[in-house]
Amino acid sequence: MMIMGGGIVSWLQGVLADIMGIQASYIVGVVCFAYLAFYAIRAKSVLQSQGIDFDKLNAEGGH
């Protein structure tokens, strides 16, 4: 996913840079980081609703 996303995101930013200008094209990166933050928050709440406490699992040790 990372390789594919890197190829698509950079291509999309290049297209937007040609259309809107290089500074405005950085909105693509902002949107990607906003989605990552949303995913992190949402995934944690979904796991907790399923009874999985990821913080507790990491505190118990192990690899």
PDB file of N, CA and C in Angstrom:
ATOM      1  N   MET A   1       0.810  -1.179   0.000  1.00  0.00           N
ATOM      2  CA  MET A   1       0.000   0.000   0.000  1.00  0.00           C
ATOM      3  C   MET A   1       0.860   1.252   0.000  1.00  0.00           C
ATOM      4  N   MET A   2       1.948   1.209   0.738  1.00  0.00           N
ATOM      5  CA  MET A   2       2.777   2.403   0.822  1.00  0.00           C
ATOM      6  C   MET A   2       3.381   2.748  -0.537  1.00  0.00           C
ATOM      7  N   ILE A   3       3.858   1.751  -1.254  1.00  0.00           N
ATOM      8  CA  ILE A   3       4.444   2.007  -2.565  1.00  0.00           C
ATOM      9  C   ILE A   3       3.382   2.520  -3.522  1.00  0.00           C
ATOM     10  N   MET A   4       2.229   1.889  -3.518  1.00  0.00           N
ATOM     11  CA  MET A   4       1.144   2.308  -4.390  1.00  0.00           C
ATOM     12  C   MET A   4       0.657   3.706  -4.019  1.00  0.00           C
ATOM     13  N   GLY A   5       0.460   3.947  -2.727  1.00  0.00           N
ATOM     14  CA  GLY A   5       0.016   5.267  -2.283  1.00  0.00           C
ATOM     15  C   GLY A   5       1.032   6.346  -2.605  1.00  0.00           C
ATOM     16  N   GLY A   6       2.315   6.029  -2.444  1.00  0.00           N
ATOM     17  CA  GLY A   6       3.360   6.996  -2.766  1.00  0.00           C
ATOM     18  C   GLY A   6       3.366   7.349  -4.239  1.00  0.00           C
ATOM     19  N   GLY A   7       3.100   6.363  -5.079  1.00  0.00           N
ATOM     20  CA  GLY A   7       3.048   6.622  -6.511  1.00  0.00           C
ATOM     21  C   GLY A   7       1.834   7.447  -6.896  1.00  0.00           C
ATOM     22  N   ILE A   8       0.708   7.136  -6.303  1.00  0.00           N
ATOM     23  CA  ILE A   8      -0.528   7.854  -6.650  1.00  0.00           C
ATOM     24  C   ILE A   8      -0.534   9.249  -6.039  1.00  0.00           C
ATOM     25  N   VAL A   9      -0.146   9.367  -4.787  1.00  0.00           N
ATOM     26  CA  VAL A   9      -0.179  10.661  -4.109  1.00  0.00           C
ATOM     27  C   VAL A   9       0.797  11.631  -4.763  1.00  0.00           C
ATOM     28  N   SER A  10       1.997  11.188  -5.071  1.00  0.00           N
ATOM     29  CA  SER A  10       2.966  12.088  -5.695  1.00  0.00           C
ATOM     30  C   SER A  10       2.522  12.480  -7.105  1.00  0.00           C
ATOM     31  N   TRP A  11       1.919  11.537  -7.828  1.00  0.00           N
ATOM     32  CA  TRP A  11       1.394  11.858  -9.158  1.00  0.00           C
ATOM     33  C   TRP A  11       0.275  12.896  -9.054  1.00  0.00           C
ATOM     34  N   LEU A  12      -0.635  12.688  -8.097  1.00  0.00           N
ATOM     35  CA  LEU A  12      -1.745  13.618  -7.909  1.00  0.00           C
ATOM     36  C   LEU A  12      -1.228  15.002  -7.518  1.00  0.00           C
ATOM     37  N   GLN A  13      -0.232  15.043  -6.663  1.00  0.00           N
ATOM     38  CA  GLN A  13       0.332  16.335  -6.270  1.00  0.00           C
ATOM     39  C   GLN A  13       0.990  17.011  -7.476  1.00  0.00           C
ATOM     40  N   GLY A  14       1.650  16.246  -8.315  1.00  0.00           N
ATOM     41  CA  GLY A  14       2.250  16.815  -9.523  1.00  0.00           C
ATOM     42  C   GLY A  14       1.207  17.384 -10.471  1.00  0.00           C
ATOM     43  N   VAL A  15       0.106  16.666 -10.641  1.00  0.00           N
ATOM     44  CA  VAL A  15      -0.969  17.155 -11.504  1.00  0.00           C
ATOM     45  C   VAL A  15      -1.537  18.454 -10.941  1.00  0.00           C
ATOM     46  N   LEU A  16      -1.791  18.479  -9.635  1.00  0.00           N
ATOM     47  CA  LEU A  16      -2.310  19.697  -9.012  1.00  0.00           C
ATOM     48  C   LEU A  16      -1.303  20.839  -9.069  1.00  0.00           C
ATOM     49  N   ALA A  17      -0.019  20.524  -8.975  1.00  0.00           N
ATOM     50  CA  ALA A  17       1.007  21.564  -9.071  1.00  0.00           C
ATOM     51  C   ALA A  17       0.990  22.197 -10.457  1.00  0.00           C
ATOM     52  N   ASP A  18       0.771  21.394 -11.485  1.00  0.00           N
ATOM     53  CA  ASP A  18       0.684  21.936 -12.841  1.00  0.00           C
ATOM     54  C   ASP A  18      -0.551  22.812 -13.021  1.00  0.00           C
ATOM     55  N   ILE A  19      -1.639  22.430 -12.366  1.00  0.00           N
ATOM     56  CA  ILE A  19      -2.895  23.165 -12.532  1.00  0.00           C
ATOM     57  C   ILE A  19      -2.958  24.390 -11.622  1.00  0.00           C
ATOM     58  N   MET A  20      -2.674  24.184 -10.326  1.00  0.00           N
ATOM     59  CA  MET A  20      -2.911  25.220  -9.316  1.00  0.00           C
ATOM     60  C   MET A  20      -1.643  25.931  -8.846  1.00  0.00           C
ATOM     61  N   GLY A  21      -0.506  25.332  -9.043  1.00  0.00           N
ATOM     62  CA  GLY A  21       0.743  25.879  -8.518  1.00  0.00           C
ATOM     63  C   GLY A  21       1.294  24.957  -7.442  1.00  0.00           C
ATOM     64  N   ILE A  22       2.599  25.032  -7.251  1.00  0.00           N
ATOM     65  CA  ILE A  22       3.277  24.096  -6.353  1.00  0.00           C
ATOM     66  C   ILE A  22       2.829  24.271  -4.902  1.00  0.00           C
ATOM     67  N   GLN A  23       2.616  25.501  -4.451  1.00  0.00           N
ATOM     68  CA  GLN A  23       2.254  25.709  -3.057  1.00  0.00           C
ATOM     69  C   GLN A  23       0.860  25.177  -2.754  1.00  0.00           C
ATOM     70  N   ALA A  24      -0.072  25.368  -3.659  1.00  0.00           N
ATOM     71  CA  ALA A  24      -1.437  24.886  -3.446  1.00  0.00           C
ATOM     72  C   ALA A  24      -1.517  23.372  -3.515  1.00  0.00           C
ATOM     73  N   SER A  25      -0.573  22.742  -4.227  1.00  0.00           N
ATOM     74  CA  SER A  25      -0.614  21.283  -4.371  1.00  0.00           C
ATOM     75  C   SER A  25      -0.295  20.555  -3.072  1.00  0.00           C
ATOM     76  N   TYR A  26       0.272  21.235  -2.102  1.00  0.00           N
ATOM     77  CA  TYR A  26       0.594  20.589  -0.827  1.00  0.00           C
ATOM     78  C   TYR A  26      -0.647  20.245  -0.022  1.00  0.00           C
ATOM     79  N   ILE A  27      -1.807  20.667  -0.477  1.00  0.00           N
ATOM     80  CA  ILE A  27      -3.052  20.272   0.178  1.00  0.00           C
ATOM     81  C   ILE A  27      -3.227  18.754   0.115  1.00  0.00           C
ATOM     82  N   VAL A  28      -2.649  18.129  -0.898  1.00  0.00           N
ATOM     83  CA  VAL A  28      -2.721  16.666  -1.015  1.00  0.00           C
ATOM     84  C   VAL A  28      -2.058  16.022   0.201  1.00  0.00           C
ATOM     85  N   GLY A  29      -0.890  16.485   0.575  1.00  0.00           N
ATOM     86  CA  GLY A  29      -0.202  15.962   1.748  1.00  0.00           C
ATOM     87  C   GLY A  29      -0.965  16.212   3.029  1.00  0.00           C
ATOM     88  N   VAL A  30      -1.556  17.383   3.141  1.00  0.00           N
ATOM     89  CA  VAL A  30      -2.344  17.721   4.323  1.00  0.00           C
ATOM     90  C   VAL A  30      -3.541  16.784   4.441  1.00  0.00           C
ATOM     91  N   VAL A  31      -4.213  16.525   3.323  1.00  0.00           N
ATOM     92  CA  VAL A  31      -5.367  15.616   3.334  1.00  0.00           C
ATOM     93  C   VAL A  31      -4.925  14.203   3.718  1.00  0.00           C
ATOM     94  N   CYS A  32      -3.788  13.761   3.207  1.00  0.00           N
ATOM     95  CA  CYS A  32      -3.296  12.414   3.543  1.00  0.00           C
ATOM     96  C   CYS A  32      -2.989  12.288   5.036  1.00  0.00           C
ATOM     97  N   PHE A  33      -2.329  13.293   5.608  1.00  0.00           N
ATOM     98  CA  PHE A  33      -2.024  13.243   7.034  1.00  0.00           C
ATOM     99  C   PHE A  33      -3.289  13.346   7.881  1.00  0.00           C
ATOM    100  N   ALA A  34      -4.260  14.123   7.427  1.00  0.00           N
ATOM    101  CA  ALA A  34      -5.526  14.214   8.151  1.00  0.00           C
ATOM    102  C   ALA A  34      -6.240  12.864   8.141  1.00  0.00           C
ATOM    103  N   TYR A  35      -6.177  12.158   7.013  1.00  0.00           N
ATOM    104  CA  TYR A  35      -6.788  10.829   6.947  1.00  0.00           C
ATOM    105  C   TYR A  35      -6.070   9.858   7.883  1.00  0.00           C
ATOM    106  N   LEU A  36      -4.753   9.921   7.938  1.00  0.00           N
ATOM    107  CA  LEU A  36      -4.007   9.042   8.848  1.00  0.00           C
ATOM    108  C   LEU A  36      -4.388   9.300  10.303  1.00  0.00           C
ATOM    109  N   ALA A  37      -4.542  10.561  10.665  1.00  0.00           N
ATOM    110  CA  ALA A  37      -4.956  10.889  12.036  1.00  0.00           C
ATOM    111  C   ALA A  37      -6.364  10.366  12.304  1.00  0.00           C
ATOM    112  N   PHE A  38      -7.270  10.554  11.352  1.00  0.00           N
ATOM    113  CA  PHE A  38      -8.629  10.044  11.497  1.00  0.00           C
ATOM    114  C   PHE A  38      -8.623   8.527  11.646  1.00  0.00           C
ATOM    115  N   TYR A  39      -7.834   7.849  10.831  1.00  0.00           N
ATOM    116  CA  TYR A  39      -7.772   6.387  10.877  1.00  0.00           C
ATOM    117  C   TYR A  39      -7.249   5.905  12.224  1.00  0.00           C
ATOM    118  N   ALA A  40      -6.229   6.570  12.744  1.00  0.00           N
ATOM    119  CA  ALA A  40      -5.658   6.168  14.031  1.00  0.00           C
ATOM    120  C   ALA A  40      -6.682   6.309  15.152  1.00  0.00           C
ATOM    121  N   ILE A  41      -7.399   7.413  15.153  1.00  0.00           N
ATOM    122  CA  ILE A  41      -8.398   7.633  16.197  1.00  0.00           C
ATOM    123  C   ILE A  41      -9.551   6.661  16.039  1.00  0.00           C
ATOM    124  N   ARG A  42     -10.015   6.469  14.823  1.00  0.00           N
ATOM    125  CA  ARG A  42     -11.159   5.592  14.565  1.00  0.00           C
ATOM    126  C   ARG A  42     -10.809   4.131  14.843  1.00  0.00           C
ATOM    127  N   ALA A  43      -9.618   3.699  14.443  1.00  0.00           N
ATOM    128  CA  ALA A  43      -9.221   2.309  14.662  1.00  0.00           C
ATOM    129  C   ALA A  43      -9.139   2.005  16.151  1.00  0.00           C
ATOM    130  N   LYS A  44      -8.640   2.948  16.931  1.00  0.00           N
ATOM    131  CA  LYS A  44      -8.549   2.735  18.376  1.00  0.00           C
ATOM    132  C   LYS A  44      -9.935   2.580  18.984  1.00  0.00           C
ATOM    133  N   SER A  45     -10.883   3.410  18.556  1.00  0.00           N
ATOM    134  CA  SER A  45     -12.237   3.306  19.116  1.00  0.00           C
ATOM    135  C   SER A  45     -12.933   2.024  18.671  1.00  0.00           C
ATOM    136  N   VAL A  46     -12.683   1.575  17.455  1.00  0.00           N
ATOM    137  CA  VAL A  46     -13.283   0.320  16.983  1.00  0.00           C
ATOM    138  C   VAL A  46     -12.714  -0.861  17.767  1.00  0.00           C
ATOM    139  N   LEU A  47     -11.412  -0.863  17.994  1.00  0.00           N
ATOM    140  CA  LEU A  47     -10.798  -1.943  18.768  1.00  0.00           C
ATOM    141  C   LEU A  47     -11.325  -1.955  20.206  1.00  0.00           C
ATOM    142  N   GLN A  48     -11.479  -0.787  20.795  1.00  0.00           N
ATOM    143  CA  GLN A  48     -11.993  -0.730  22.159  1.00  0.00           C
ATOM    144  C   GLN A  48     -13.435  -1.204  22.224  1.00  0.00           C
ATOM    145  N   SER A  49     -14.230  -0.924  21.195  1.00  0.00           N
ATOM    146  CA  SER A  49     -15.621  -1.393  21.188  1.00  0.00           C
ATOM    147  C   SER A  49     -15.690  -2.913  21.053  1.00  0.00           C
ATOM    148  N   GLN A  50     -14.628  -3.525  20.526  1.00  0.00           N
ATOM    149  CA  GLN A  50     -14.561  -4.976  20.410  1.00  0.00           C
ATOM    150  C   GLN A  50     -13.920  -5.610  21.639  1.00  0.00           C
ATOM    151  N   GLY A  51     -13.567  -4.795  22.625  1.00  0.00           N
ATOM    152  CA  GLY A  51     -12.985  -5.305  23.856  1.00  0.00           C
ATOM    153  C   GLY A  51     -11.481  -5.485  23.791  1.00  0.00           C
ATOM    154  N   ILE A  52     -10.844  -4.878  22.824  1.00  0.00           N
ATOM    155  CA  ILE A  52      -9.394  -4.982  22.683  1.00  0.00           C
ATOM    156  C   ILE A  52      -8.778  -3.676  23.140  1.00  0.00           C
ATOM    157  N   ASP A  53      -7.965  -3.740  24.196  1.00  0.00           N
ATOM    158  CA  ASP A  53      -7.273  -2.558  24.693  1.00  0.00           C
ATOM    159  C   ASP A  53      -5.816  -2.675  24.276  1.00  0.00           C
ATOM    160  N   PHE A  54      -5.449  -2.020  23.187  1.00  0.00           N
ATOM    161  CA  PHE A  54      -4.117  -2.150  22.622  1.00  0.00           C
ATOM    162  C   PHE A  54      -3.050  -1.629  23.580  1.00  0.00           C
ATOM    163  N   ASP A  55      -3.348  -0.579  24.327  1.00  0.00           N
ATOM    164  CA  ASP A  55      -2.378  -0.046  25.287  1.00  0.00           C
ATOM    165  C   ASP A  55      -2.087  -1.062  26.386  1.00  0.00           C
ATOM    166  N   LYS A  56      -3.099  -1.780  26.830  1.00  0.00           N
ATOM    167  CA  LYS A  56      -2.916  -2.790  27.869  1.00  0.00           C
ATOM    168  C   LYS A  56      -2.096  -3.967  27.342  1.00  0.00           C
ATOM    169  N   LEU A  57      -2.308  -4.353  26.098  1.00  0.00           N
ATOM    170  CA  LEU A  57      -1.552  -5.457  25.506  1.00  0.00           C
ATOM    171  C   LEU A  57      -0.067  -5.122  25.434  1.00  0.00           C
ATOM    172  N   ASN A  58       0.268  -3.884  25.080  1.00  0.00           N
ATOM    173  CA  ASN A  58       1.675  -3.474  24.996  1.00  0.00           C
ATOM    174  C   ASN A  58       2.312  -3.353  26.362  1.00  0.00           C
ATOM    175  N   ALA A  59       1.552  -3.009  27.394  1.00  0.00           N
ATOM    176  CA  ALA A  59       2.105  -2.822  28.738  1.00  0.00           C
ATOM    177  C   ALA A  59       2.482  -4.147  29.379  1.00  0.00           C
ATOM    178  N   GLU A  60       1.925  -5.257  28.913  1.00  0.00           N
ATOM    179  CA  GLU A  60       2.196  -6.556  29.518  1.00  0.00           C
ATOM    180  C   GLU A  60       3.546  -7.122  29.104  1.00  0.00           C
ATOM    181  N   GLY A  61       4.193  -6.533  28.142  1.00  0.00           N
ATOM    182  CA  GLY A  61       5.508  -6.994  27.711  1.00  0.00           C
ATOM    183  C   GLY A  61       5.423  -7.881  26.493  1.00  0.00           C
ATOM    184  N   GLY A  62       6.525  -8.522  26.188  1.00  0.00           N
ATOM    185  CA  GLY A  62       6.591  -9.369  25.006  1.00  0.00           C
ATOM    186  C   GLY A  62       7.199  -8.614  23.833  1.00  0.00           C
ATOM    187  N   HIS A  63       7.185  -9.259  22.723  1.00  0.00           N
ATOM    188  CA  HIS A  63       7.783  -8.631  21.549  1.00  0.00           C
ATOM    189  C   HIS A  63       6.715  -8.037  20.757  1.00  0.00           C
TER     190      HIS A  63
END
